[in-house]
């Protein structure tokens, strides 16, 4: 447990990567986590939906959780190719990423759509990781706080709780680029998000975890995880390599 009282979460987003031959990566993460570390933090891997069942089986009985990367807001229906929160839960997933910047950019997801999906996750008993973040242009225009607060205000459902909601701040320009904001920049955004959460859900805001994502690596994880109001990381490419992901989790060792 961190000094804030919020239990850190290290989450890996595999994106559209991984075949059945990739399951040993999850097994290596499982075997590389010490009981001492998992007594203090939560660890999550979000593989593509084709691997959820296999990964759930691989980590059975361990401290690792498995999640989905996306969902349809509806529980069922004529939505060819989509997957519902209930389907993810049926496979053994306990989390799902909602509104990742790549979904917003490539699939034109809106803040209202993110809100609907977050409600869908809650309906099925999943914890939704609601993503917010600004583009490089928006940052250069000085609009970072306005953008992320607006995304949060619409995306977070009424009555959200720490048990069903995690927030992830991912500056779009830092994802996969090797660039990261300064710790001071991250602290400013996370403080603003915490304050906005207070307006939305009251005292519960102090319990909700806010993750940082965007070129998190073993070499910078300890510095980033030490920033005020940062309660863990949403990790992209580094989560595909067990040693890198374990190195990031070791920031809390």
Protein backbone atom coordinates (compact mmCIF):
# COMPACT_ATOMS: atom_id res chain seq x y z
CA UNK A 1 0.00 0.00 0.00
CA UNK A 2 1.36 3.42 -0.92
CA UNK A 3 1.56 6.35 1.48
CA UNK A 4 -1.68 7.64 -0.07
CA UNK A 5 -3.51 4.53 1.10
CA UNK A 6 -4.19 3.56 -2.52
CA UNK A 7 -2.81 0.20 -3.61
CA UNK A 8 -0.62 0.70 -6.71
CA UNK A 9 -1.56 -1.03 -9.97
CA UNK A 10 0.89 -2.00 -12.70
CA UNK A 11 -1.13 -2.82 -15.82
CA UNK A 12 0.14 -4.10 -19.14
CA UNK A 13 -1.67 -3.39 -22.42
CA UNK A 14 -0.51 -5.78 -25.13
CA UNK A 15 -2.58 -4.02 -27.80
CA UNK A 16 -2.84 -6.05 -31.05
CA UNK A 17 0.14 -8.24 -30.22
CA UNK A 18 0.41 -11.84 -29.13
CA UNK A 19 -0.36 -15.35 -30.31
CA UNK A 20 -0.80 -18.55 -28.31
CA UNK A 21 2.98 -18.78 -28.30
CA UNK A 22 3.01 -15.56 -26.23
CA UNK A 23 1.35 -17.10 -23.16
CA UNK A 24 4.77 -17.99 -21.68
CA UNK A 25 5.36 -14.23 -21.28
CA UNK A 26 2.50 -14.13 -18.78
CA UNK A 27 3.88 -17.23 -17.09
CA UNK A 28 7.29 -15.56 -16.79
CA UNK A 29 5.68 -12.48 -15.24
CA UNK A 30 3.78 -14.74 -12.84
CA UNK A 31 6.95 -16.56 -11.82
CA UNK A 32 9.01 -13.39 -11.54
CA UNK A 33 6.78 -11.60 -9.04
CA UNK A 34 7.78 -12.09 -5.43
CA UNK A 35 5.14 -12.59 -2.73
CA UNK A 36 6.54 -9.54 -0.98
CA UNK A 37 5.87 -7.35 -4.01
CA UNK A 38 2.39 -8.72 -4.74
CA UNK A 39 1.47 -8.12 -1.11
CA UNK A 40 1.91 -4.40 -1.84
CA UNK A 41 0.75 -3.91 -5.45
CA UNK A 42 -1.77 -5.22 -7.97
CA UNK A 43 -0.56 -6.56 -11.32
CA UNK A 44 -2.70 -6.77 -14.44
CA UNK A 45 -2.10 -7.99 -17.99
CA UNK A 46 -4.53 -7.09 -20.80
CA UNK A 47 -3.80 -9.38 -23.76
CA UNK A 48 -5.83 -9.45 -26.97
CA UNK A 49 -9.25 -11.05 -26.45
CA UNK A 50 -8.11 -14.19 -28.29
CA UNK A 51 -5.67 -14.91 -25.44
CA UNK A 52 -7.76 -13.96 -22.39
CA UNK A 53 -8.90 -17.50 -21.63
CA UNK A 54 -5.39 -18.94 -22.02
CA UNK A 55 -3.87 -16.20 -19.86
CA UNK A 56 -6.52 -16.63 -17.17
CA UNK A 57 -5.61 -20.32 -17.03
CA UNK A 58 -1.88 -19.49 -16.95
CA UNK A 59 -2.18 -17.22 -13.91
CA UNK A 60 -4.81 -19.24 -12.03
CA UNK A 61 -4.10 -19.16 -8.32
CA UNK A 62 -1.58 -16.33 -8.65
CA UNK A 63 -1.80 -12.63 -7.80
CA UNK A 64 -2.00 -11.54 -11.46
CA UNK A 65 -5.29 -10.29 -12.91
CA UNK A 66 -6.25 -10.50 -16.58
CA UNK A 67 -8.26 -7.83 -18.39
CA UNK A 68 -9.69 -6.85 -21.76
CA UNK A 69 -8.60 -3.97 -23.98
CA UNK A 70 -12.02 -2.83 -25.17
CA UNK A 71 -15.71 -3.69 -24.96
CA UNK A 72 -19.08 -2.92 -26.49
CA UNK A 73 -21.39 -0.93 -24.23
CA UNK A 74 -24.29 -3.35 -24.76
CA UNK A 75 -24.51 -6.74 -23.07
CA UNK A 76 -25.46 -8.54 -26.29
CA UNK A 77 -26.98 -7.96 -29.72
CA UNK A 78 -26.38 -7.72 -33.44
CA UNK A 79 -22.93 -6.14 -33.18
CA UNK A 80 -20.77 -8.33 -35.37
CA UNK A 81 -17.19 -8.60 -34.20
CA UNK A 82 -17.77 -6.89 -30.85
CA UNK A 83 -17.26 -8.27 -27.36
CA UNK A 84 -19.33 -7.35 -24.32
CA UNK A 85 -18.28 -6.87 -20.73
CA UNK A 86 -20.25 -9.98 -19.84
CA UNK A 87 -18.24 -11.99 -22.38
CA UNK A 88 -14.98 -10.71 -20.91
CA UNK A 89 -16.12 -11.57 -17.40
CA UNK A 90 -17.21 -15.01 -18.56
CA UNK A 91 -13.63 -15.64 -19.72
CA UNK A 92 -12.27 -14.66 -16.31
CA UNK A 93 -11.28 -11.05 -16.97
CA UNK A 94 -11.69 -8.66 -14.07
CA UNK A 95 -10.63 -5.35 -15.69
CA UNK A 96 -11.15 -3.69 -19.06
CA UNK A 97 -9.47 -0.67 -20.69
CA UNK A 98 -11.99 1.99 -21.75
CA UNK A 99 -11.37 4.83 -24.20
CA UNK A 100 -7.69 4.29 -24.93
CA UNK A 101 -6.33 7.05 -27.16
CA UNK A 102 -5.85 4.59 -30.01
CA UNK A 103 -9.53 3.69 -29.83
CA UNK A 104 -10.41 7.39 -29.82
CA UNK A 105 -8.10 8.17 -32.75
CA UNK A 106 -8.57 5.14 -35.00
CA UNK A 107 -12.14 4.17 -34.15
CA UNK A 108 -13.52 7.64 -33.46
CA UNK A 109 -14.68 6.84 -29.93
CA UNK A 110 -16.26 9.80 -28.15
CA UNK A 111 -16.37 10.79 -24.51
CA UNK A 112 -20.04 9.83 -24.45
CA UNK A 113 -19.13 6.44 -25.85
CA UNK A 114 -16.47 6.02 -23.18
CA UNK A 115 -19.10 6.81 -20.54
CA UNK A 116 -21.41 4.15 -21.96
CA UNK A 117 -18.62 1.58 -22.01
CA UNK A 118 -17.64 2.38 -18.43
CA UNK A 119 -21.24 1.73 -17.42
CA UNK A 120 -21.11 -1.54 -19.34
CA UNK A 121 -17.99 -2.59 -17.48
CA UNK A 122 -19.63 -1.82 -14.14
CA UNK A 123 -22.77 -3.73 -15.15
CA UNK A 124 -20.73 -6.91 -15.63
CA UNK A 125 -18.66 -6.45 -12.47
CA UNK A 126 -15.48 -5.38 -14.25
CA UNK A 127 -13.21 -2.54 -13.17
CA UNK A 128 -12.99 -0.04 -16.03
CA UNK A 129 -9.65 1.70 -16.67
CA UNK A 130 -10.82 4.99 -18.17
CA UNK A 131 -8.10 6.61 -20.30
CA UNK A 132 -7.63 10.34 -20.82
CA UNK A 133 -4.88 12.30 -22.52
CA UNK A 134 -3.97 15.19 -24.79
CA UNK A 135 -2.31 15.35 -28.20
CA UNK A 136 0.94 17.20 -28.87
CA UNK A 137 -0.98 20.02 -30.52
CA UNK A 138 -3.31 20.39 -27.54
CA UNK A 139 -0.33 20.48 -25.18
CA UNK A 140 1.44 23.12 -27.26
CA UNK A 141 -1.75 25.20 -27.18
CA UNK A 142 -1.74 25.03 -23.37
CA UNK A 143 -4.99 23.07 -23.29
CA UNK A 144 -3.81 19.91 -21.52
CA UNK A 145 -5.79 20.38 -18.31
CA UNK A 146 -8.91 21.50 -20.14
CA UNK A 147 -8.81 18.43 -22.40
CA UNK A 148 -8.23 15.79 -19.74
CA UNK A 149 -10.73 17.33 -17.31
CA UNK A 150 -13.40 17.41 -20.03
CA UNK A 151 -12.71 13.79 -20.95
CA UNK A 152 -12.95 12.83 -17.30
CA UNK A 153 -16.11 14.84 -16.65
CA UNK A 154 -18.00 13.06 -19.41
CA UNK A 155 -16.37 9.64 -19.24
CA UNK A 156 -16.71 8.86 -15.55
CA UNK A 157 -20.18 7.54 -14.70
CA UNK A 158 -22.17 8.87 -11.78
CA UNK A 159 -21.55 6.88 -8.64
CA UNK A 160 -18.15 5.59 -9.76
CA UNK A 161 -16.17 3.93 -6.98
CA UNK A 162 -12.57 2.87 -6.51
CA UNK A 163 -13.72 -0.74 -6.79
CA UNK A 164 -15.04 -0.28 -10.33
CA UNK A 165 -13.02 2.63 -11.72
CA UNK A 166 -9.37 3.39 -12.41
CA UNK A 167 -8.19 6.46 -14.34
CA UNK A 168 -5.19 6.35 -16.66
CA UNK A 169 -3.51 9.53 -17.88
CA UNK A 170 -1.72 8.85 -21.15
CA UNK A 171 -0.41 11.89 -23.03
CA UNK A 172 -1.01 10.80 -26.61
CA UNK A 173 2.28 12.23 -27.82
CA UNK A 174 4.24 10.11 -25.33
CA UNK A 175 2.76 6.71 -26.22
CA UNK A 176 5.39 4.57 -27.90
CA UNK A 177 7.57 7.55 -28.77
CA UNK A 178 10.12 7.33 -26.01
CA UNK A 179 9.11 10.83 -24.90
CA UNK A 180 7.73 11.48 -21.44
CA UNK A 181 6.44 14.60 -19.68
CA UNK A 182 8.51 15.88 -16.79
CA UNK A 183 7.58 14.66 -13.30
CA UNK A 184 6.32 18.19 -12.62
CA UNK A 185 4.05 18.06 -15.68
CA UNK A 186 2.68 14.68 -14.62
CA UNK A 187 2.13 15.88 -11.07
CA UNK A 188 0.16 18.88 -12.34
CA UNK A 189 -2.12 16.74 -14.50
CA UNK A 190 -2.70 14.07 -11.86
CA UNK A 191 -3.48 16.68 -9.22
CA UNK A 192 -5.98 18.29 -11.57
CA UNK A 193 -7.58 14.92 -12.32
CA UNK A 194 -7.84 14.16 -8.60
CA UNK A 195 -9.50 17.52 -7.99
CA UNK A 196 -11.92 16.93 -10.89
CA UNK A 197 -12.77 13.50 -9.55
CA UNK A 198 -13.64 15.16 -6.25
CA UNK A 199 -16.17 17.32 -8.05
CA UNK A 200 -17.64 14.27 -9.79
CA UNK A 201 -17.75 11.63 -7.06
CA UNK A 202 -16.96 13.40 -3.80
CA UNK A 203 -14.89 11.77 -1.07
CA UNK A 204 -14.56 8.55 -3.08
CA UNK A 205 -12.11 10.42 -5.34
CA UNK A 206 -9.37 10.04 -2.73
CA UNK A 207 -9.57 6.25 -3.15
CA UNK A 208 -9.57 6.03 -6.96
CA UNK A 209 -6.25 5.09 -8.51
CA UNK A 210 -4.81 7.30 -11.25
CA UNK A 211 -2.20 5.58 -13.42
CA UNK A 212 0.40 7.18 -15.65
CA UNK A 213 1.06 5.73 -19.11
CA UNK A 214 3.33 6.80 -21.94
CA UNK A 215 6.79 5.32 -22.58
CA UNK A 216 7.12 3.86 -19.09
CA UNK A 217 10.27 1.74 -18.89
CA UNK A 218 12.30 0.03 -16.15
CA UNK A 219 14.77 2.91 -16.31
CA UNK A 220 12.24 5.66 -15.55
CA UNK A 221 9.56 3.77 -13.62
CA UNK A 222 10.85 4.50 -10.12
CA UNK A 223 10.97 8.25 -10.77
CA UNK A 224 7.54 8.30 -12.41
CA UNK A 225 5.87 6.13 -9.77
CA UNK A 226 7.19 8.45 -7.04
CA UNK A 227 5.22 11.41 -8.43
CA UNK A 228 2.39 12.63 -6.21
CA UNK A 229 -1.00 11.17 -7.17
CA UNK A 230 0.55 8.56 -9.49
CA UNK A 231 -0.80 5.20 -8.33
CA UNK A 232 0.86 2.93 -10.86
CA UNK A 233 1.35 2.60 -14.59
CA UNK A 234 -0.46 1.55 -17.74
CA UNK A 235 2.37 0.00 -19.73
CA UNK A 236 2.34 -0.62 -23.48
CA UNK A 237 5.26 -2.12 -25.37
CA UNK A 238 7.33 -2.90 -22.29
CA UNK A 239 4.61 -5.24 -21.04
CA UNK A 240 5.33 -7.61 -23.94
CA UNK A 241 8.74 -8.41 -22.46
CA UNK A 242 8.52 -10.12 -19.08
CA UNK A 243 11.82 -8.74 -17.77
CA UNK A 244 10.86 -5.17 -18.71
CA UNK A 245 7.42 -5.42 -17.16
CA UNK A 246 8.87 -6.95 -14.00
CA UNK A 247 11.47 -4.17 -13.94
CA UNK A 248 8.68 -1.58 -13.94
CA UNK A 249 6.80 -3.38 -11.19
CA UNK A 250 10.05 -3.42 -9.20
CA UNK A 251 9.69 0.35 -8.79
CA UNK A 252 7.59 -0.60 -5.78
CA UNK A 253 10.04 -3.17 -4.41
